[in-house]
Amino acid sequence: MLNAEAVHKRACRVLPEVLATSGVLLEDESPNGIAALLFPLRRKSNGAVAFHLSIETMDALRADPRNFLMAALEAREKLSRHGARSAYRPWRSVRMPDPGEAAYFTSRTDGRASIVVIPSERLAVYLWRD
């Protein structure tokens, strides 16, 4: 069945294993909107999927974000049977306007996708450009 849980299960393959998530935020939860994300023939050549970070991930990010993210440099699964797992560049950080807040980002080594993690929003966003 096409639903947010199916999108989450399939989409989280692009994230590193240590970035545990508890669900996705969908712009269009209709069957057509979900199908467009899940099926490559109907997928746009660029887009984004937003994930809710799990409590465990949030705790690890609060404790030691740099060391936690050092282990987050490879996707948890391949996107296709014949491809390799996506590799990511080392994570970088940017300070947010509020003191003490930061966001973290990385990009795939081929430059075709990025991940942005915003702990204060309990959010990870995967952006792709095929």
C-alpha atoms as a PDB file:
ATOM      1  CA  MET A   1       0.000   0.000   0.000  1.00  0.00           C
ATOM      2  CA  LEU A   2       1.247   3.467  -0.849  1.00  0.00           C
ATOM      3  CA  ASN A   3       1.437   5.511   2.333  1.00  0.00           C
ATOM      4  CA  ALA A   4       3.890   7.591   4.367  1.00  0.00           C
ATOM      5  CA  GLU A   5       5.288   4.453   6.019  1.00  0.00           C
ATOM      6  CA  ALA A   6       6.126   2.938   2.616  1.00  0.00           C
ATOM      7  CA  VAL A   7       7.837   6.160   1.556  1.00  0.00           C
ATOM      8  CA  HIS A   8       9.831   6.229   4.795  1.00  0.00           C
ATOM      9  CA  LYS A   9      10.948   2.609   4.458  1.00  0.00           C
ATOM     10  CA  ARG A  10      12.100   3.131   0.910  1.00  0.00           C
ATOM     11  CA  ALA A  11      13.482   6.667   1.143  1.00  0.00           C
ATOM     12  CA  CYS A  12      15.626   6.147   4.249  1.00  0.00           C
ATOM     13  CA  ARG A  13      17.894   3.835   2.212  1.00  0.00           C
ATOM     14  CA  VAL A  14      19.747   6.942   1.006  1.00  0.00           C
ATOM     15  CA  LEU A  15      20.610   8.038   4.550  1.00  0.00           C
ATOM     16  CA  PRO A  16      23.605   6.806   6.526  1.00  0.00           C
ATOM     17  CA  GLU A  17      22.724   4.048   9.013  1.00  0.00           C
ATOM     18  CA  VAL A  18      23.434   6.169  12.088  1.00  0.00           C
ATOM     19  CA  LEU A  19      20.859   8.782  11.030  1.00  0.00           C
ATOM     20  CA  ALA A  20      17.866   6.923  12.414  1.00  0.00           C
ATOM     21  CA  THR A  21      14.516   8.437  11.514  1.00  0.00           C
ATOM     22  CA  SER A  22      10.973   7.887  12.698  1.00  0.00           C
ATOM     23  CA  GLY A  23       9.003   9.006   9.644  1.00  0.00           C
ATOM     24  CA  VAL A  24       8.744  11.395   6.707  1.00  0.00           C
ATOM     25  CA  LEU A  25       7.051  14.720   6.097  1.00  0.00           C
ATOM     26  CA  LEU A  26       5.225  14.582   2.776  1.00  0.00           C
ATOM     27  CA  GLU A  27       4.125  17.568   0.748  1.00  0.00           C
ATOM     28  CA  ASP A  28       1.585  15.475  -1.171  1.00  0.00           C
ATOM     29  CA  GLU A  29       0.179  12.438   0.664  1.00  0.00           C
ATOM     30  CA  SER A  30      -2.172  11.487  -2.160  1.00  0.00           C
ATOM     31  CA  PRO A  31      -1.561   8.149  -3.908  1.00  0.00           C
ATOM     32  CA  ASN A  32      -0.261  10.016  -6.991  1.00  0.00           C
ATOM     33  CA  GLY A  33       2.122  12.153  -4.914  1.00  0.00           C
ATOM     34  CA  ILE A  34       3.493   9.145  -3.064  1.00  0.00           C
ATOM     35  CA  ALA A  35       3.842   7.110  -6.272  1.00  0.00           C
ATOM     36  CA  ALA A  36       5.854   9.954  -7.824  1.00  0.00           C
ATOM     37  CA  LEU A  37       8.407   9.628  -4.993  1.00  0.00           C
ATOM     38  CA  LEU A  38       8.587   5.820  -4.969  1.00  0.00           C
ATOM     39  CA  PHE A  39       8.668   4.862  -8.623  1.00  0.00           C
ATOM     40  CA  PRO A  40      11.713   6.020 -10.634  1.00  0.00           C
ATOM     41  CA  LEU A  41       9.837   6.319 -13.938  1.00  0.00           C
ATOM     42  CA  ARG A  42       7.474   8.845 -12.411  1.00  0.00           C
ATOM     43  CA  ARG A  43      10.018  10.584 -10.181  1.00  0.00           C
ATOM     44  CA  LYS A  44      11.130  14.112 -10.931  1.00  0.00           C
ATOM     45  CA  SER A  45      14.788  14.635 -11.776  1.00  0.00           C
ATOM     46  CA  ASN A  46      15.153  16.651  -8.587  1.00  0.00           C
ATOM     47  CA  GLY A  47      13.357  16.954  -5.301  1.00  0.00           C
ATOM     48  CA  ALA A  48      13.549  16.536  -1.557  1.00  0.00           C
ATOM     49  CA  VAL A  49      12.316  14.245   1.187  1.00  0.00           C
ATOM     50  CA  ALA A  50      12.173  15.437   4.799  1.00  0.00           C
ATOM     51  CA  PHE A  51      12.596  12.974   7.672  1.00  0.00           C
ATOM     52  CA  HIS A  52      11.780  13.193  11.396  1.00  0.00           C
ATOM     53  CA  LEU A  53      14.928  12.326  13.356  1.00  0.00           C
ATOM     54  CA  SER A  54      14.542   9.600  15.968  1.00  0.00           C
ATOM     55  CA  ILE A  55      14.994  10.287  19.670  1.00  0.00           C
ATOM     56  CA  GLU A  56      18.222   8.218  19.643  1.00  0.00           C
ATOM     57  CA  THR A  57      19.649  10.307  16.822  1.00  0.00           C
ATOM     58  CA  MET A  58      18.686  13.501  18.624  1.00  0.00           C
ATOM     59  CA  ASP A  59      20.415  12.321  21.820  1.00  0.00           C
ATOM     60  CA  ALA A  60      23.595  11.474  19.888  1.00  0.00           C
ATOM     61  CA  LEU A  61      23.573  14.837  18.100  1.00  0.00           C
ATOM     62  CA  ARG A  62      23.180  16.677  21.412  1.00  0.00           C
ATOM     63  CA  ALA A  63      26.013  14.707  23.038  1.00  0.00           C
ATOM     64  CA  ASP A  64      28.716  14.913  20.352  1.00  0.00           C
ATOM     65  CA  PRO A  65      27.556  15.887  16.856  1.00  0.00           C
ATOM     66  CA  ARG A  66      30.963  15.882  15.162  1.00  0.00           C
ATOM     67  CA  ASN A  67      31.922  12.364  16.261  1.00  0.00           C
ATOM     68  CA  PHE A  68      28.424  11.062  15.604  1.00  0.00           C
ATOM     69  CA  LEU A  69      28.406  12.392  12.038  1.00  0.00           C
ATOM     70  CA  MET A  70      31.931  11.121  11.293  1.00  0.00           C
ATOM     71  CA  ALA A  71      30.337   7.659  11.060  1.00  0.00           C
ATOM     72  CA  ALA A  72      27.665   8.900   8.636  1.00  0.00           C
ATOM     73  CA  LEU A  73      29.503   8.777   5.312  1.00  0.00           C
ATOM     74  CA  GLU A  74      27.776   5.951   3.454  1.00  0.00           C
ATOM     75  CA  ALA A  75      24.130   5.275   2.588  1.00  0.00           C
ATOM     76  CA  ARG A  76      22.588   2.343   4.435  1.00  0.00           C
ATOM     77  CA  GLU A  77      21.532   0.606   1.201  1.00  0.00           C
ATOM     78  CA  LYS A  78      22.031   0.734  -2.555  1.00  0.00           C
ATOM     79  CA  LEU A  79      19.394   2.489  -4.613  1.00  0.00           C
ATOM     80  CA  SER A  80      19.472  -0.215  -7.274  1.00  0.00           C
ATOM     81  CA  ARG A  81      20.577  -3.829  -7.487  1.00  0.00           C
ATOM     82  CA  HIS A  82      23.545  -3.000  -9.691  1.00  0.00           C
ATOM     83  CA  GLY A  83      24.773   0.209  -8.120  1.00  0.00           C
ATOM     84  CA  ALA A  84      26.946   0.858  -5.109  1.00  0.00           C
ATOM     85  CA  ARG A  85      25.949   2.508  -1.858  1.00  0.00           C
ATOM     86  CA  SER A  86      26.162   6.270  -2.086  1.00  0.00           C
ATOM     87  CA  ALA A  87      29.226   7.779  -0.412  1.00  0.00           C
ATOM     88  CA  TYR A  88      29.114  11.164   1.283  1.00  0.00           C
ATOM     89  CA  ARG A  89      31.727  13.850   1.859  1.00  0.00           C
ATOM     90  CA  PRO A  90      32.726  14.803   5.423  1.00  0.00           C
ATOM     91  CA  TRP A  91      30.017  16.705   7.279  1.00  0.00           C
ATOM     92  CA  ARG A  92      30.220  20.467   7.746  1.00  0.00           C
ATOM     93  CA  SER A  93      28.323  22.724  10.097  1.00  0.00           C
ATOM     94  CA  VAL A  94      26.785  26.154   9.938  1.00  0.00           C
ATOM     95  CA  ARG A  95      25.699  28.298  12.890  1.00  0.00           C
ATOM     96  CA  MET A  96      22.042  29.253  13.083  1.00  0.00           C
ATOM     97  CA  PRO A  97      20.855  32.719  14.193  1.00  0.00           C
ATOM     98  CA  ASP A  98      20.006  31.478  17.711  1.00  0.00           C
ATOM     99  CA  PRO A  99      23.103  31.042  19.896  1.00  0.00           C
ATOM    100  CA  GLY A 100      24.168  27.452  20.341  1.00  0.00           C
ATOM    101  CA  GLU A 101      22.159  26.123  17.401  1.00  0.00           C
ATOM    102  CA  ALA A 102      23.778  24.587  14.346  1.00  0.00           C
ATOM    103  CA  ALA A 103      22.809  22.739  11.182  1.00  0.00           C
ATOM    104  CA  TYR A 104      24.943  20.081   9.507  1.00  0.00           C
ATOM    105  CA  PHE A 105      25.251  19.188   5.847  1.00  0.00           C
ATOM    106  CA  THR A 106      27.009  16.836   3.482  1.00  0.00           C
ATOM    107  CA  SER A 107      26.794  15.948  -0.193  1.00  0.00           C
ATOM    108  CA  ARG A 108      27.241  12.755  -2.131  1.00  0.00           C
ATOM    109  CA  THR A 109      30.694  12.413  -3.606  1.00  0.00           C
ATOM    110  CA  ASP A 110      29.185  12.578  -7.114  1.00  0.00           C
ATOM    111  CA  GLY A 111      27.534  15.909  -6.227  1.00  0.00           C
ATOM    112  CA  ARG A 112      24.037  14.711  -7.147  1.00  0.00           C
ATOM    113  CA  ALA A 113      22.482  14.775  -3.666  1.00  0.00           C
ATOM    114  CA  SER A 114      22.849  16.430  -0.276  1.00  0.00           C
ATOM    115  CA  ILE A 115      21.678  15.855   3.268  1.00  0.00           C
ATOM    116  CA  VAL A 116      20.928  18.677   5.696  1.00  0.00           C
ATOM    117  CA  VAL A 117      20.363  17.934   9.396  1.00  0.00           C
ATOM    118  CA  ILE A 118      18.708  20.556  11.587  1.00  0.00           C
ATOM    119  CA  PRO A 119      18.628  19.173  15.135  1.00  0.00           C
ATOM    120  CA  SER A 120      16.630  22.098  16.573  1.00  0.00           C
ATOM    121  CA  GLU A 121      13.803  21.120  14.186  1.00  0.00           C
ATOM    122  CA  ARG A 122      14.355  17.346  14.605  1.00  0.00           C
ATOM    123  CA  LEU A 123      14.722  17.246  10.844  1.00  0.00           C
ATOM    124  CA  ALA A 124      16.894  15.682   8.146  1.00  0.00           C
ATOM    125  CA  VAL A 125      16.333  16.629   4.512  1.00  0.00           C
ATOM    126  CA  TYR A 126      17.627  14.637   1.558  1.00  0.00           C
ATOM    127  CA  LEU A 127      17.810  16.694  -1.652  1.00  0.00           C
ATOM    128  CA  TRP A 128      18.604  15.116  -5.006  1.00  0.00           C
ATOM    129  CA  ARG A 129      19.358  16.284  -8.542  1.00  0.00           C
ATOM    130  CA  ASP A 130      19.677  13.530 -11.152  1.00  0.00           C
END
